[in-house]
Every structure is written in C-alpha cells, then in structure tokens.
C-alpha cells in the first residue's frame, strides 16, 4: 500500500523528501514541504466528521485499531510491541481493545 501511495502521489523518486506533504489550496498538487502535525490533525477531524463519526478520534485511535486488529489476527503481543516501538508490553496492552464492549 505504501508503494502504491508513493507512486500515486508522484513522490516515489524522492526518497529523502517528506512522506506526507502539503498541497497548495485545493489544487491537489503536492508541494515539497512536509505536512504539519496540526494540519494532519485537522484533516483527520474533518474526514471523521464528514463520515458521520461522532466518537472522538485521535492518533491513539489509529494505534489502538492497528494493534487490536493485529492481535485479533493471532499476532503476538511481542511483535505488536516492536511494531509500535513500545519499550514494554504493558504499554502495548493499553492499546489492545479486544475486550472493549460495543
């Protein structure tokens, strides 16, 4: 998926450039400048609202979703810890939502 994104974004030949970049206005033409964290936050909030998601969405939401999906697929906690770059499996377990009620 990452390779597809790099190709579609036209940045596959720029390995030292920013992975997530700004676009000038609504032109959808990527600029060489990196996307700021606050801009990424705004994008996520706008997309969640447009999708009708009422729940609070944060960067931890994505981390928890990824870790939980991995563990639901019989992934190993130690591997999830390494992927999340956590120093302790205890921290990784905080993101495990398998027992959360819906």
Protein backbone atom coordinates (compact mmCIF):
# COMPACT_ATOMS: atom_id res chain seq x y z
CA UNK A 1 0.00 0.00 0.00
CA UNK A 2 2.83 2.36 0.78
CA UNK A 3 4.39 1.78 -2.62
CA UNK A 4 1.03 2.46 -4.27
CA UNK A 5 0.73 5.72 -2.31
CA UNK A 6 4.25 6.82 -3.26
CA UNK A 7 3.54 6.12 -6.94
CA UNK A 8 0.10 7.74 -6.94
CA UNK A 9 1.46 10.80 -5.12
CA UNK A 10 4.29 11.06 -7.63
CA UNK A 11 6.96 11.03 -4.92
CA UNK A 12 8.42 7.54 -5.37
CA UNK A 13 11.59 9.01 -6.89
CA UNK A 14 12.18 11.34 -3.95
CA UNK A 15 13.38 9.06 -1.11
CA UNK A 16 14.66 11.96 1.01
CA UNK A 17 11.53 14.06 0.62
CA UNK A 18 8.64 14.30 3.06
CA UNK A 19 6.30 11.32 3.07
CA UNK A 20 3.20 13.40 3.82
CA UNK A 21 3.19 16.74 2.03
CA UNK A 22 1.16 19.88 1.77
CA UNK A 23 -0.96 20.80 -1.23
CA UNK A 24 -1.42 24.36 -2.43
CA UNK A 25 -5.03 25.36 -1.76
CA UNK A 26 -7.43 22.84 -3.22
CA UNK A 27 -5.16 22.12 -6.19
CA UNK A 28 -4.35 18.57 -5.03
CA UNK A 29 -0.82 19.17 -6.34
CA UNK A 30 1.66 18.09 -3.69
CA UNK A 31 4.35 20.53 -2.65
CA UNK A 32 7.81 19.52 -1.36
CA UNK A 33 7.01 20.88 2.12
CA UNK A 34 6.01 18.43 4.82
CA UNK A 35 2.52 18.30 6.26
CA UNK A 36 2.49 19.73 9.78
CA UNK A 37 1.11 17.67 12.65
CA UNK A 38 -1.64 20.21 13.29
CA UNK A 39 -2.70 20.05 9.62
CA UNK A 40 -2.83 16.25 9.78
CA UNK A 41 -4.99 16.52 12.90
CA UNK A 42 -7.38 18.89 11.08
CA UNK A 43 -7.62 16.51 8.12
CA UNK A 44 -8.45 13.53 10.34
CA UNK A 45 -11.09 15.52 12.24
CA UNK A 46 -12.67 16.82 9.04
CA UNK A 47 -12.79 13.36 7.44
CA UNK A 48 -14.28 11.81 10.61
CA UNK A 49 -16.97 14.48 10.74
CA UNK A 50 -17.77 14.05 7.03
CA UNK A 51 -18.04 10.28 7.59
CA UNK A 52 -20.55 10.87 10.37
CA UNK A 53 -18.24 9.55 13.10
CA UNK A 54 -19.33 11.05 16.40
CA UNK A 55 -16.62 9.46 18.56
CA UNK A 56 -13.50 11.42 19.45
CA UNK A 57 -10.72 10.43 17.03
CA UNK A 58 -7.03 10.85 17.93
CA UNK A 59 -3.71 9.45 16.76
CA UNK A 60 -4.10 6.88 19.55
CA UNK A 61 -7.34 5.71 17.93
CA UNK A 62 -5.39 4.56 14.89
CA UNK A 63 -2.66 3.00 17.01
CA UNK A 64 -5.21 1.11 19.10
CA UNK A 65 -7.10 -0.02 15.99
CA UNK A 66 -3.93 -1.32 14.35
CA UNK A 67 -2.68 -3.13 17.45
CA UNK A 68 -6.10 -4.62 18.15
CA UNK A 69 -6.55 -5.81 14.54
CA UNK A 70 -3.10 -7.38 14.60
CA UNK A 71 -3.76 -9.19 17.87
CA UNK A 72 -7.21 -10.34 16.69
CA UNK A 73 -5.43 -11.96 13.74
CA UNK A 74 -3.43 -14.11 16.16
CA UNK A 75 -0.49 -11.71 16.16
CA UNK A 76 1.97 -11.94 19.02
CA UNK A 77 1.99 -9.23 21.68
CA UNK A 78 5.79 -9.01 21.50
CA UNK A 79 5.61 -8.35 17.74
CA UNK A 80 2.95 -5.68 18.26
CA UNK A 81 5.23 -4.12 20.88
CA UNK A 82 8.09 -3.97 18.39
CA UNK A 83 5.91 -2.52 15.62
CA UNK A 84 4.61 0.17 17.97
CA UNK A 85 8.13 0.87 19.27
CA UNK A 86 7.00 0.43 22.86
CA UNK A 87 9.64 -0.29 25.50
CA UNK A 88 7.24 -2.51 27.44
CA UNK A 89 4.49 -4.99 26.52
CA UNK A 90 2.45 -3.33 29.29
CA UNK A 91 2.26 -0.16 27.18
CA UNK A 92 1.20 -2.17 24.13
CA UNK A 93 -1.54 -3.84 26.17
CA UNK A 94 -3.01 -0.41 26.90
CA UNK A 95 -3.83 -0.15 23.18
CA UNK A 96 -5.42 -3.62 22.97
CA UNK A 97 -9.19 -3.11 22.56
CA UNK A 98 -10.16 -6.76 22.04
CA UNK A 99 -12.16 -6.82 25.27
CA UNK A 100 -13.88 -3.46 24.69
CA UNK A 101 -17.66 -3.62 24.61
CA UNK A 102 -19.64 -2.27 21.68
